[in-house]
C-alpha atoms as a PDB file:
ATOM      1  CA  MET A   1      43.765 -75.946  28.576  1.00  0.00           C
ATOM      2  CA  ASN A   2      42.857 -79.017  26.030  1.00  0.00           C
ATOM      3  CA  GLU A   3      42.741 -79.053  22.059  1.00  0.00           C
ATOM      4  CA  ASP A   4      38.603 -79.036  22.226  1.00  0.00           C
ATOM      5  CA  SER A   5      39.346 -75.205  23.327  1.00  0.00           C
ATOM      6  CA  ILE A   6      41.853 -74.209  20.524  1.00  0.00           C
ATOM      7  CA  LEU A   7      40.047 -73.509  17.359  1.00  0.00           C
ATOM      8  CA  TYR A   8      43.309 -72.164  15.661  1.00  0.00           C
ATOM      9  CA  GLU A   9      47.249 -71.722  15.436  1.00  0.00           C
ATOM     10  CA  ASP A  10      50.179 -71.186  13.517  1.00  0.00           C
ATOM     11  CA  ASN A  11      53.501 -69.653  14.264  1.00  0.00           C
ATOM     12  CA  HIS A  12      52.108 -66.218  15.138  1.00  0.00           C
ATOM     13  CA  ILE A  13      48.390 -66.309  16.549  1.00  0.00           C
ATOM     14  CA  ILE A  14      46.775 -68.904  19.097  1.00  0.00           C
ATOM     15  CA  VAL A  15      42.809 -68.541  19.126  1.00  0.00           C
ATOM     16  CA  ALA A  16      41.364 -70.383  21.894  1.00  0.00           C
ATOM     17  CA  ILE A  17      37.893 -70.267  23.761  1.00  0.00           C
ATOM     18  CA  LYS A  18      38.048 -68.492  27.489  1.00  0.00           C
ATOM     19  CA  PRO A  19      36.301 -70.819  29.712  1.00  0.00           C
ATOM     20  CA  TYR A  20      33.597 -68.785  32.399  1.00  0.00           C
ATOM     21  CA  ASN A  21      35.000 -67.808  35.655  1.00  0.00           C
ATOM     22  CA  VAL A  22      38.798 -67.543  34.309  1.00  0.00           C
ATOM     23  CA  LEU A  23      40.545 -64.153  34.516  1.00  0.00           C
ATOM     24  CA  SER A  24      41.662 -63.483  30.575  1.00  0.00           C
ATOM     25  CA  GLN A  25      45.266 -62.479  32.721  1.00  0.00           C
ATOM     26  CA  GLY A  26      46.567 -62.536  36.095  1.00  0.00           C
ATOM     27  CA  ASP A  27      45.526 -60.097  39.030  1.00  0.00           C
ATOM     28  CA  SER A  28      45.997 -59.729  42.537  1.00  0.00           C
ATOM     29  CA  THR A  29      44.251 -62.917  43.260  1.00  0.00           C
ATOM     30  CA  LYS A  30      46.530 -65.418  41.640  1.00  0.00           C
ATOM     31  CA  ASP A  31      44.310 -68.043  40.672  1.00  0.00           C
ATOM     32  CA  PRO A  32      45.483 -69.453  36.904  1.00  0.00           C
ATOM     33  CA  SER A  33      44.479 -67.150  34.027  1.00  0.00           C
ATOM     34  CA  MET A  34      44.071 -67.935  30.255  1.00  0.00           C
ATOM     35  CA  VAL A  35      47.622 -66.562  29.689  1.00  0.00           C
ATOM     36  CA  ASP A  36      48.760 -69.552  32.511  1.00  0.00           C
ATOM     37  CA  TYR A  37      46.442 -72.112  30.631  1.00  0.00           C
ATOM     38  CA  VAL A  38      47.620 -70.924  26.773  1.00  0.00           C
ATOM     39  CA  LYS A  39      51.292 -70.564  27.833  1.00  0.00           C
ATOM     40  CA  GLU A  40      51.577 -73.975  29.599  1.00  0.00           C
ATOM     41  CA  TYR A  41      49.675 -75.736  26.279  1.00  0.00           C
ATOM     42  CA  LEU A  42      52.572 -74.602  24.237  1.00  0.00           C
ATOM     43  CA  LYS A  43      54.698 -75.490  26.369  1.00  0.00           C
ATOM     44  CA  GLU A  44      53.243 -79.416  26.692  1.00  0.00           C
ATOM     45  CA  LYS A  45      53.054 -79.137  23.409  1.00  0.00           C
ATOM     46  CA  TYR A  46      56.421 -77.970  22.238  1.00  0.00           C
ATOM     47  CA  HIS A  47      58.050 -79.487  24.941  1.00  0.00           C
ATOM     48  CA  LYS A  48      59.761 -76.056  25.717  1.00  0.00           C
ATOM     49  CA  PRO A  49      61.869 -76.245  29.253  1.00  0.00           C
ATOM     50  CA  GLY A  50      61.799 -72.495  29.978  1.00  0.00           C
ATOM     51  CA  ASN A  51      58.948 -69.614  29.361  1.00  0.00           C
ATOM     52  CA  VAL A  52      57.301 -69.163  27.061  1.00  0.00           C
ATOM     53  CA  TYR A  53      56.152 -65.910  25.115  1.00  0.00           C
ATOM     54  CA  LEU A  54      52.694 -65.030  24.741  1.00  0.00           C
ATOM     55  CA  GLY A  55      51.010 -61.412  24.157  1.00  0.00           C
ATOM     56  CA  LEU A  56      47.911 -60.717  25.309  1.00  0.00           C
ATOM     57  CA  VAL A  57      46.040 -58.292  23.285  1.00  0.00           C
ATOM     58  CA  HIS A  58      42.526 -58.194  24.307  1.00  0.00           C
ATOM     59  CA  ARG A  59      40.461 -59.008  27.316  1.00  0.00           C
ATOM     60  CA  LEU A  60      37.101 -61.058  28.483  1.00  0.00           C
ATOM     61  CA  ASP A  61      35.510 -60.225  31.882  1.00  0.00           C
ATOM     62  CA  ARG A  62      36.449 -62.968  34.103  1.00  0.00           C
ATOM     63  CA  PRO A  63      32.185 -64.210  34.638  1.00  0.00           C
ATOM     64  CA  VAL A  64      32.332 -64.021  30.589  1.00  0.00           C
ATOM     65  CA  SER A  65      33.341 -67.055  28.388  1.00  0.00           C
ATOM     66  CA  GLY A  66      34.247 -66.894  24.434  1.00  0.00           C
ATOM     67  CA  ILE A  67      36.714 -66.393  21.539  1.00  0.00           C
ATOM     68  CA  MET A  68      40.187 -64.918  22.655  1.00  0.00           C
ATOM     69  CA  VAL A  69      43.055 -64.567  20.320  1.00  0.00           C
ATOM     70  CA  PHE A  70      46.576 -63.879  22.067  1.00  0.00           C
ATOM     71  CA  ALA A  71      49.882 -63.588  20.067  1.00  0.00           C
ATOM     72  CA  LYS A  72      52.913 -65.313  19.761  1.00  0.00           C
ATOM     73  CA  THR A  73      55.227 -63.174  19.191  1.00  0.00           C
ATOM     74  CA  SER A  74      56.206 -59.543  19.771  1.00  0.00           C
ATOM     75  CA  LYS A  75      55.459 -58.436  16.109  1.00  0.00           C
ATOM     76  CA  ALA A  76      52.296 -60.022  16.110  1.00  0.00           C
ATOM     77  CA  ALA A  77      51.356 -58.664  19.594  1.00  0.00           C
ATOM     78  CA  GLU A  78      52.019 -55.207  18.478  1.00  0.00           C
ATOM     79  CA  ARG A  79      49.997 -55.759  15.282  1.00  0.00           C
ATOM     80  CA  LEU A  80      47.221 -57.205  16.685  1.00  0.00           C
ATOM     81  CA  SER A  81      46.910 -54.749  19.694  1.00  0.00           C
ATOM     82  CA  LYS A  82      47.039 -51.728  17.317  1.00  0.00           C
ATOM     83  CA  SER A  83      44.065 -53.315  15.474  1.00  0.00           C
ATOM     84  CA  PHE A  84      41.854 -53.992  18.313  1.00  0.00           C
ATOM     85  CA  GLN A  85      42.712 -49.967  18.755  1.00  0.00           C
ATOM     86  CA  THR A  86      41.950 -49.002  15.482  1.00  0.00           C
ATOM     87  CA  HIS A  87      38.989 -51.453  15.845  1.00  0.00           C
ATOM     88  CA  ASP A  88      39.909 -53.092  12.560  1.00  0.00           C
ATOM     89  CA  VAL A  89      38.271 -56.244  14.604  1.00  0.00           C
ATOM     90  CA  VAL A  90      34.490 -57.539  14.668  1.00  0.00           C
ATOM     91  CA  LYS A  91      33.453 -58.536  18.113  1.00  0.00           C
ATOM     92  CA  LYS A  92      30.399 -60.750  18.592  1.00  0.00           C
ATOM     93  CA  TYR A  93      28.497 -61.431  21.460  1.00  0.00           C
ATOM     94  CA  LEU A  94      25.353 -63.715  22.359  1.00  0.00           C
ATOM     95  CA  ALA A  95      23.614 -62.716  25.715  1.00  0.00           C
ATOM     96  CA  VAL A  96      20.374 -63.486  26.933  1.00  0.00           C
ATOM     97  CA  VAL A  97      18.721 -60.499  28.186  1.00  0.00           C
ATOM     98  CA  HIS A  98      16.118 -59.936  30.242  1.00  0.00           C
ATOM     99  CA  GLY A  99      12.630 -58.499  29.309  1.00  0.00           C
ATOM    100  CA  LYS A 100      11.706 -58.128  25.235  1.00  0.00           C
ATOM    101  CA  MET A 101      13.067 -55.596  23.936  1.00  0.00           C
ATOM    102  CA  GLU A 102      11.682 -52.183  22.535  1.00  0.00           C
ATOM    103  CA  LYS A 103      12.801 -52.642  18.882  1.00  0.00           C
ATOM    104  CA  GLU A 104      14.559 -55.720  17.111  1.00  0.00           C
ATOM    105  CA  LYS A 105      17.747 -54.159  16.038  1.00  0.00           C
ATOM    106  CA  ASP A 106      18.896 -50.784  17.131  1.00  0.00           C
ATOM    107  CA  THR A 107      22.084 -49.045  18.122  1.00  0.00           C
ATOM    108  CA  TRP A 108      23.145 -47.766  20.719  1.00  0.00           C
ATOM    109  CA  GLU A 109      25.572 -44.524  21.682  1.00  0.00           C
ATOM    110  CA  ASP A 110      26.485 -43.970  25.147  1.00  0.00           C
ATOM    111  CA  SER A 111      29.201 -42.374  27.743  1.00  0.00           C
ATOM    112  CA  ILE A 112      30.463 -44.954  30.108  1.00  0.00           C
ATOM    113  CA  LEU A 113      32.421 -43.998  33.312  1.00  0.00           C
ATOM    114  CA  ARG A 114      34.467 -46.260  35.291  1.00  0.00           C
ATOM    115  CA  LEU A 115      34.305 -46.127  39.238  1.00  0.00           C
ATOM    116  CA  GLU A 116      36.952 -46.702  41.994  1.00  0.00           C
ATOM    117  CA  ASN A 117      34.795 -49.622  43.374  1.00  0.00           C
ATOM    118  CA  GLY A 118      35.301 -51.309  39.996  1.00  0.00           C
ATOM    119  CA  ASN A 119      31.738 -50.997  38.533  1.00  0.00           C
ATOM    120  CA  SER A 120      30.981 -48.769  35.469  1.00  0.00           C
ATOM    121  CA  VAL A 121      28.084 -46.165  34.698  1.00  0.00           C
ATOM    122  CA  LEU A 122      26.465 -44.294  31.664  1.00  0.00           C
ATOM    123  CA  SER A 123      27.792 -40.479  32.603  1.00  0.00           C
ATOM    124  CA  LYS A 124      28.094 -37.739  30.358  1.00  0.00           C
ATOM    125  CA  GLU A 125      31.842 -37.583  32.098  1.00  0.00           C
ATOM    126  CA  GLY A 126      32.725 -41.348  30.771  1.00  0.00           C
ATOM    127  CA  LYS A 127      33.811 -42.069  27.453  1.00  0.00           C
ATOM    128  CA  PRO A 128      31.696 -42.697  24.467  1.00  0.00           C
ATOM    129  CA  CYS A 129      30.483 -46.280  24.176  1.00  0.00           C
ATOM    130  CA  SER A 130      28.767 -47.714  20.797  1.00  0.00           C
ATOM    131  CA  LEU A 131      27.145 -51.026  20.320  1.00  0.00           C
ATOM    132  CA  SER A 132      24.367 -52.468  17.858  1.00  0.00           C
ATOM    133  CA  TYR A 133      22.405 -55.723  18.810  1.00  0.00           C
ATOM    134  CA  GLU A 134      19.878 -58.039  16.837  1.00  0.00           C
ATOM    135  CA  VAL A 135      16.671 -59.887  18.584  1.00  0.00           C
ATOM    136  CA  LEU A 136      17.253 -63.760  17.676  1.00  0.00           C
ATOM    137  CA  GLU A 137      14.628 -65.241  19.784  1.00  0.00           C
ATOM    138  CA  TYR A 138      12.243 -64.099  22.629  1.00  0.00           C
ATOM    139  CA  ASP A 139      11.086 -67.025  25.157  1.00  0.00           C
ATOM    140  CA  GLU A 140       8.131 -65.423  26.561  1.00  0.00           C
ATOM    141  CA  GLU A 141       7.467 -68.168  29.133  1.00  0.00           C
ATOM    142  CA  GLU A 142      10.559 -66.914  30.808  1.00  0.00           C
ATOM    143  CA  ASN A 143      10.122 -63.340  29.760  1.00  0.00           C
ATOM    144  CA  CYS A 144      13.914 -63.068  28.557  1.00  0.00           C
ATOM    145  CA  SER A 145      15.460 -62.298  24.931  1.00  0.00           C
ATOM    146  CA  LEU A 146      18.181 -63.565  22.956  1.00  0.00           C
ATOM    147  CA  VAL A 147      20.606 -60.975  21.252  1.00  0.00           C
ATOM    148  CA  SER A 148      23.705 -60.969  19.235  1.00  0.00           C
ATOM    149  CA  ILE A 149      25.809 -57.977  20.013  1.00  0.00           C
ATOM    150  CA  THR A 150      28.925 -56.283  17.814  1.00  0.00           C
ATOM    151  CA  LEU A 151      30.874 -54.345  19.996  1.00  0.00           C
ATOM    152  CA  HIS A 152      31.989 -51.304  18.432  1.00  0.00           C
ATOM    153  CA  THR A 153      33.945 -50.030  21.545  1.00  0.00           C
ATOM    154  CA  GLY A 154      35.483 -51.928  24.073  1.00  0.00           C
ATOM    155  CA  ARG A 155      34.697 -50.132  27.601  1.00  0.00           C
ATOM    156  CA  HIS A 156      34.874 -51.526  31.067  1.00  0.00           C
ATOM    157  CA  HIS A 157      31.800 -53.517  31.261  1.00  0.00           C
ATOM    158  CA  GLN A 158      30.302 -51.815  28.670  1.00  0.00           C
ATOM    159  CA  ILE A 159      27.114 -54.631  27.538  1.00  0.00           C
ATOM    160  CA  ARG A 160      26.550 -54.945  30.359  1.00  0.00           C
ATOM    161  CA  VAL A 161      25.687 -52.068  31.701  1.00  0.00           C
ATOM    162  CA  GLN A 162      24.298 -50.469  28.532  1.00  0.00           C
ATOM    163  CA  PHE A 163      21.498 -53.043  28.795  1.00  0.00           C
ATOM    164  CA  ALA A 164      21.095 -53.269  32.444  1.00  0.00           C
ATOM    165  CA  SER A 165      20.572 -49.599  32.171  1.00  0.00           C
ATOM    166  CA  ARG A 166      17.690 -50.088  29.952  1.00  0.00           C
ATOM    167  CA  GLY A 167      15.974 -52.433  32.400  1.00  0.00           C
ATOM    168  CA  HIS A 168      17.417 -55.812  30.536  1.00  0.00           C
ATOM    169  CA  TYR A 169      19.947 -56.777  32.643  1.00  0.00           C
ATOM    170  CA  LEU A 170      22.189 -60.310  30.956  1.00  0.00           C
ATOM    171  CA  LEU A 171      20.633 -63.031  33.228  1.00  0.00           C
ATOM    172  CA  GLY A 172      23.009 -64.388  35.699  1.00  0.00           C
ATOM    173  CA  ASP A 173      24.864 -60.873  35.935  1.00  0.00           C
ATOM    174  CA  GLN A 174      25.550 -60.776  39.910  1.00  0.00           C
ATOM    175  CA  ARG A 175      26.594 -56.740  39.317  1.00  0.00           C
ATOM    176  CA  TYR A 176      24.359 -55.203  37.607  1.00  0.00           C
ATOM    177  CA  GLY A 177      21.660 -57.678  37.444  1.00  0.00           C
ATOM    178  CA  VAL A 178      19.434 -59.937  39.752  1.00  0.00           C
ATOM    179  CA  GLU A 179      21.134 -61.962  41.879  1.00  0.00           C
ATOM    180  CA  ASP A 180      19.964 -65.902  41.004  1.00  0.00           C
ATOM    181  CA  HIS A 181      23.007 -67.708  41.030  1.00  0.00           C
ATOM    182  CA  ILE A 182      23.398 -68.810  37.664  1.00  0.00           C
ATOM    183  CA  GLN A 183      26.596 -68.247  35.322  1.00  0.00           C
ATOM    184  CA  ILE A 184      26.529 -64.949  33.516  1.00  0.00           C
ATOM    185  CA  HIS A 185      24.641 -65.670  30.021  1.00  0.00           C
ATOM    186  CA  LEU A 186      27.228 -63.574  27.526  1.00  0.00           C
ATOM    187  CA  PHE A 187      29.539 -65.724  25.306  1.00  0.00           C
ATOM    188  CA  SER A 188      32.299 -64.209  22.718  1.00  0.00           C
ATOM    189  CA  TYR A 189      30.827 -66.202  19.790  1.00  0.00           C
ATOM    190  CA  TYR A 190      32.153 -64.583  16.785  1.00  0.00           C
ATOM    191  CA  LEU A 191      36.346 -63.111  16.208  1.00  0.00           C
ATOM    192  CA  SER A 192      37.086 -61.557  13.097  1.00  0.00           C
ATOM    193  CA  PHE A 193      40.570 -59.735  12.159  1.00  0.00           C
ATOM    194  CA  LEU A 194      43.590 -59.090   9.769  1.00  0.00           C
ATOM    195  CA  HIS A 195      46.236 -62.111  10.244  1.00  0.00           C
ATOM    196  CA  PRO A 196      48.838 -60.524  11.669  1.00  0.00           C
ATOM    197  CA  THR A 197      51.560 -61.377   9.454  1.00  0.00           C
ATOM    198  CA  THR A 198      49.625 -62.635   6.066  1.00  0.00           C
ATOM    199  CA  LYS A 199      46.690 -59.522   6.366  1.00  0.00           C
ATOM    200  CA  GLU A 200      44.225 -62.286   5.609  1.00  0.00           C
ATOM    201  CA  ARG A 201      41.016 -61.764   7.336  1.00  0.00           C
ATOM    202  CA  LEU A 202      40.381 -64.512   9.687  1.00  0.00           C
ATOM    203  CA  GLU A 203      36.895 -64.992  11.411  1.00  0.00           C
ATOM    204  CA  PHE A 204      36.234 -67.546  14.556  1.00  0.00           C
ATOM    205  CA  GLN A 205      32.484 -68.653  15.390  1.00  0.00           C
ATOM    206  CA  ALA A 206      31.463 -71.061  18.132  1.00  0.00           C
ATOM    207  CA  PHE A 207      29.056 -70.858  20.476  1.00  0.00           C
ATOM    208  CA  PRO A 208      27.887 -71.271  23.985  1.00  0.00           C
ATOM    209  CA  PRO A 209      27.734 -74.987  26.130  1.00  0.00           C
ATOM    210  CA  LYS A 210      23.887 -75.750  26.943  1.00  0.00           C
ATOM    211  CA  LYS A 211      22.732 -75.046  29.623  1.00  0.00           C
ATOM    212  CA  ASP A 212      20.509 -73.159  31.939  1.00  0.00           C
ATOM    213  CA  TYR A 213      18.456 -70.479  29.939  1.00  0.00           C
ATOM    214  CA  TRP A 214      20.873 -70.966  26.476  1.00  0.00           C
ATOM    215  CA  THR A 215      18.747 -74.225  26.335  1.00  0.00           C
ATOM    216  CA  ARG A 216      15.460 -71.765  25.880  1.00  0.00           C
ATOM    217  CA  PHE A 217      16.920 -71.417  22.119  1.00  0.00           C
ATOM    218  CA  THR A 218      17.829 -72.622  19.369  1.00  0.00           C
ATOM    219  CA  VAL A 219      21.544 -71.171  18.987  1.00  0.00           C
END
């Protein structure tokens, strides 16, 4: 974790860019996670010999990159977690999806069910999920679209499942799309929330690295 990955830091929170294929939080693989990297960054920056507190208040899927916020105190973690639960946080993603969308903008409301094998599917037995999207550009040569997505709920693999179920799988999505051996084209580019202490609304924006299908678009 280097300073270029840090978008903001104060005594209560730290906002950073999660790289692709890095866990948000440690799991059974024992691979290093964002929590590990940010903790190590804080330990080195402030020369702390012991353990550093860091509160994880939301997650991004391992293949997905983009903006994450972490809490540096337990009180900040409690307040930020509540903001995510009550949908006071605005989360927007950029995605490159297969095909041309039928509408330039739309809102999809479905029910999504998480299966025991780790996948999710749309099912009436699942939990409600909702997102809105807007098409930013369409590449006719590659037959793919760049879309901005506002996530209203945070279900497991929600964006990937809702788009794939309508025939617009995300490029590079090895699970719900086509095994094309490229990185999934999903990036958390905008995050807005109330500061847990000052109550000021903060906004952060970043853009994906220019590689693969991202280079087809002006963003």
